[in-house]
Amino acid sequence: MKSRFVRLATLAFSCGPFLAAQPADTSVLKQVIIFGRHAVRTPVVSNSDLVAFSTLLFPTFNPTGQAVITPNGQANETLLGGYFRLLLTQQEKLLTGNDAADAAFVYVRANNTPLIEDTAQAFVTGLLPAAVASVTINTIPNPDFDPLFDPIDAGVATLNSKMAIAAVNGRLGGNPQALATTYADEFALVRSVLFNYPAGTFPAPPTPAGKVDVTTLPITLTAGNSTMPVNPGGLLAFYTAIDPFMMEYEDGMAASNVGWGQLDAASISQIFRVYDTLLDLEFCTPYLAAVQSSNVASHIVRTMVQAATGNAMSGALGTPSDKIVLLSASNTNVTGLAGLWHLDWLVGGYQRDVAALGGALVFELRQSQRTGEFLVRASYVTQTMDQLRNQTPLTLAAPPANVPVFIPGCSVPNATFDCPLSTFVRMAHHEIDPRYADLNN
């Protein structure tokens, strides 16, 4: 007993520096970059197409178009913008609360689709409710492509399809079909929901006549496009079939309409492990992360350096005086940047590194009041699945999930994983491939 006590005492002593209270944060927020995913939307394909995958009719969303923001999606994004308003006016004092004056220091860039532009607009409505009309949502007009979010189609980056396929295939041991075995439980659950029989039924019923079983389609790797750089064969149909379930839940549909009453938050999160893996393969594989995310990464770094120095810089966004930079895009963009910089996070209720609907990677540029040194602090902020479903009001006392993000090769071991700006710039440039980045705004 004595020796056990001594061991425990020794362990406690050796861990003292880690167990001690963290020093008070004396840094001041100078700029925040919010890199977020679009809000809750309608499914990516129509119900007339989805019916090929199921025995029951999918519920109808409002509105009825494909991949457009829903009214509840707009409302939730405005709630998130309102939370940032409270955070940045009352806690951080970055904004004054005078919306007309603060609007001059806000830069917004959105990928040029109605879904993403509407998401940015809804966020600004919560952030600066009295000056919404004063904030420009910067976009690249169609039919051109935004080099920040779509560098391949914009001509900034060139994708070598053979290299892309080889890089992904190498991560799968040359056997992409093995994913069906790895996620056998998820595939079985999806099949039972789509074909309307109890989960765990054995043997599983045969495929209904005239229906496509998305869980049996071959998983192959062939040349893709800028949206999905490697075509994963049957996994694409699998994702298309499950996409509505997340939207049904987070848009607040009746429980009987969420996977026809067979799915809840936990089971939806489970089946989306397959899609999360697909995103990781397509956008976090090192070669693909470099091609697709070097340009946006370069612009983010230069924007922070511009704010720290006060000098306009090519390849930066906005002006040196901008305090808030909002980048509104898709989960593929957020996932790709995280992959490039090896960022990880975990929010309760979601799988690891999920770029949740409306959620955002947040980069704070802070300055130490003691030394004057500039610091970068990263976090991931998102409403939980149930906060979205219930349109939960957000306050400083009842916030969205907000988890610190460690920046490998840069962060120091404090509670917020602060990273000296000079070190952050070196780390970022080490990961950014200059062949795929330009200095244009």
Foldseek 3Di string as FASTA:
>chain_A
DVVVVVVVVVVCVVCVVVPDDFDDAQWAFQAKEWEAEFFQFAAQDAQVVLLLAFPDGADAAVVRDHGAAHPLRLLLLLLQLLAVLQCCVPPRVNDPLQLVVQLVQEAAEEWPDNRQLSSVLSSVCNNRVPCSVSHDHDYDDPPAGDCLQQVCSNVLFPDDLVVLLVLLCVVVVVALQCVLVVLVLLLQLLSCLRYVDDRPDPPDDDDDPSHDSLSPWGQDWDADDSVQRTDGTSVVVVCSNLVNLLSCLLSQHDCCNRSNNSDDLQSSQSSCVSVVVSLCSRQLSQVNLQQRRLANLQQVLQQLVCLLVVHDFFSYPDHNNRRYYYYYYHQSRQSSPCSLQVKWDDDPSHDIPGSDRSKTWMWTWIARPVPRFTKIFIKIFDAHSVCSNVVPRAYPVRHGDIGTIAGPQAFDPDRRRIGGSVRVVVSSVVSHDSSNHDRHD
